[in-house]
Protein backbone atom coordinates (compact mmCIF):
# COMPACT_ATOMS: atom_id res chain seq x y z
CA UNK A 1 0.25 30.32 17.18
CA UNK A 2 2.50 28.12 19.27
CA UNK A 3 6.22 27.91 18.47
CA UNK A 4 7.91 24.55 18.15
CA UNK A 5 10.77 24.15 20.62
CA UNK A 6 14.24 24.13 19.02
CA UNK A 7 15.00 20.65 20.38
CA UNK A 8 11.97 19.27 18.53
CA UNK A 9 13.03 20.98 15.30
CA UNK A 10 16.53 19.55 15.68
CA UNK A 11 15.11 16.06 16.19
CA UNK A 12 12.92 16.43 13.08
CA UNK A 13 15.93 17.52 11.04
CA UNK A 14 17.95 14.52 12.27
CA UNK A 15 15.13 12.11 11.42
CA UNK A 16 14.66 13.65 7.96
CA UNK A 17 18.38 13.47 7.22
CA UNK A 18 18.41 9.82 8.25
CA UNK A 19 15.44 9.12 5.99
CA UNK A 20 17.11 10.91 3.07
CA UNK A 21 20.32 8.93 3.63
CA UNK A 22 18.40 5.63 3.72
CA UNK A 23 16.52 6.53 0.55
CA UNK A 24 19.75 7.46 -1.26
CA UNK A 25 21.32 4.16 -0.18
CA UNK A 26 18.27 2.18 -1.33
CA UNK A 27 18.33 3.89 -4.73
CA UNK A 28 22.05 3.23 -5.08
CA UNK A 29 21.63 -0.42 -4.05
CA UNK A 30 18.80 -0.86 -6.56
CA UNK A 31 20.90 0.62 -9.37
CA UNK A 32 23.83 -1.65 -8.48
CA UNK A 33 21.57 -4.72 -8.40
CA UNK A 34 20.16 -3.88 -11.83
CA UNK A 35 23.63 -3.29 -13.23
CA UNK A 36 24.91 -6.58 -11.76
CA UNK A 37 21.97 -8.49 -13.21
CA UNK A 38 22.38 -6.89 -16.64
CA UNK A 39 26.00 -8.07 -16.69
CA UNK A 40 25.12 -11.58 -15.51
CA UNK A 41 24.85 -14.85 -17.41
CA UNK A 42 21.19 -15.12 -16.36
CA UNK A 43 20.41 -11.85 -18.14
CA UNK A 44 22.17 -13.05 -21.28
CA UNK A 45 20.28 -16.35 -21.17
CA UNK A 46 16.92 -14.63 -20.66
CA UNK A 47 17.62 -12.14 -23.43
CA UNK A 48 18.48 -14.93 -25.85
CA UNK A 49 15.46 -16.97 -24.75
CA UNK A 50 13.09 -14.02 -25.33
CA UNK A 51 14.73 -13.21 -28.68
CA UNK A 52 14.28 -16.79 -29.92
CA UNK A 53 10.73 -16.93 -28.55
CA UNK A 54 9.87 -13.68 -30.35
CA UNK A 55 11.46 -14.94 -33.56
CA UNK A 56 9.42 -18.15 -33.42
CA UNK A 57 6.25 -16.15 -32.80
CA UNK A 58 7.11 -13.91 -35.77
CA UNK A 59 7.39 -16.96 -38.05
CA UNK A 60 4.05 -18.31 -36.80
CA UNK A 61 2.34 -15.01 -37.58
CA UNK A 62 4.12 -14.62 -40.92
CA UNK A 63 3.16 -18.19 -41.93
CA UNK A 64 -0.45 -17.52 -41.02
CA UNK A 65 -0.57 -14.28 -43.01
CA UNK A 66 1.46 -15.59 -45.97
CA UNK A 67 0.67 -19.30 -46.32
CA UNK A 68 2.19 -19.37 -49.81
CA UNK A 69 5.68 -18.54 -48.49
CA UNK A 70 7.95 -21.29 -47.15
CA UNK A 71 9.51 -20.28 -43.84
CA UNK A 72 10.90 -23.73 -43.06
CA UNK A 73 14.36 -22.79 -44.38
CA UNK A 74 14.88 -20.28 -41.59
């Protein structure tokens, strides 16, 4: 079995630490981006748009299943 020279081990440790630091920064940046978007006007608009869209779809399905009920008042 051949031993790895200490200088090579040190270099590997330095590279791994750099990779860990970059990964931690990327995870942090991703979390910040998600948080910023969730607090944005775009997120609010999309949420409202999907809510209304889902509500309209609900009424279509309810009208199809219960044709005797009048959903036009909603």
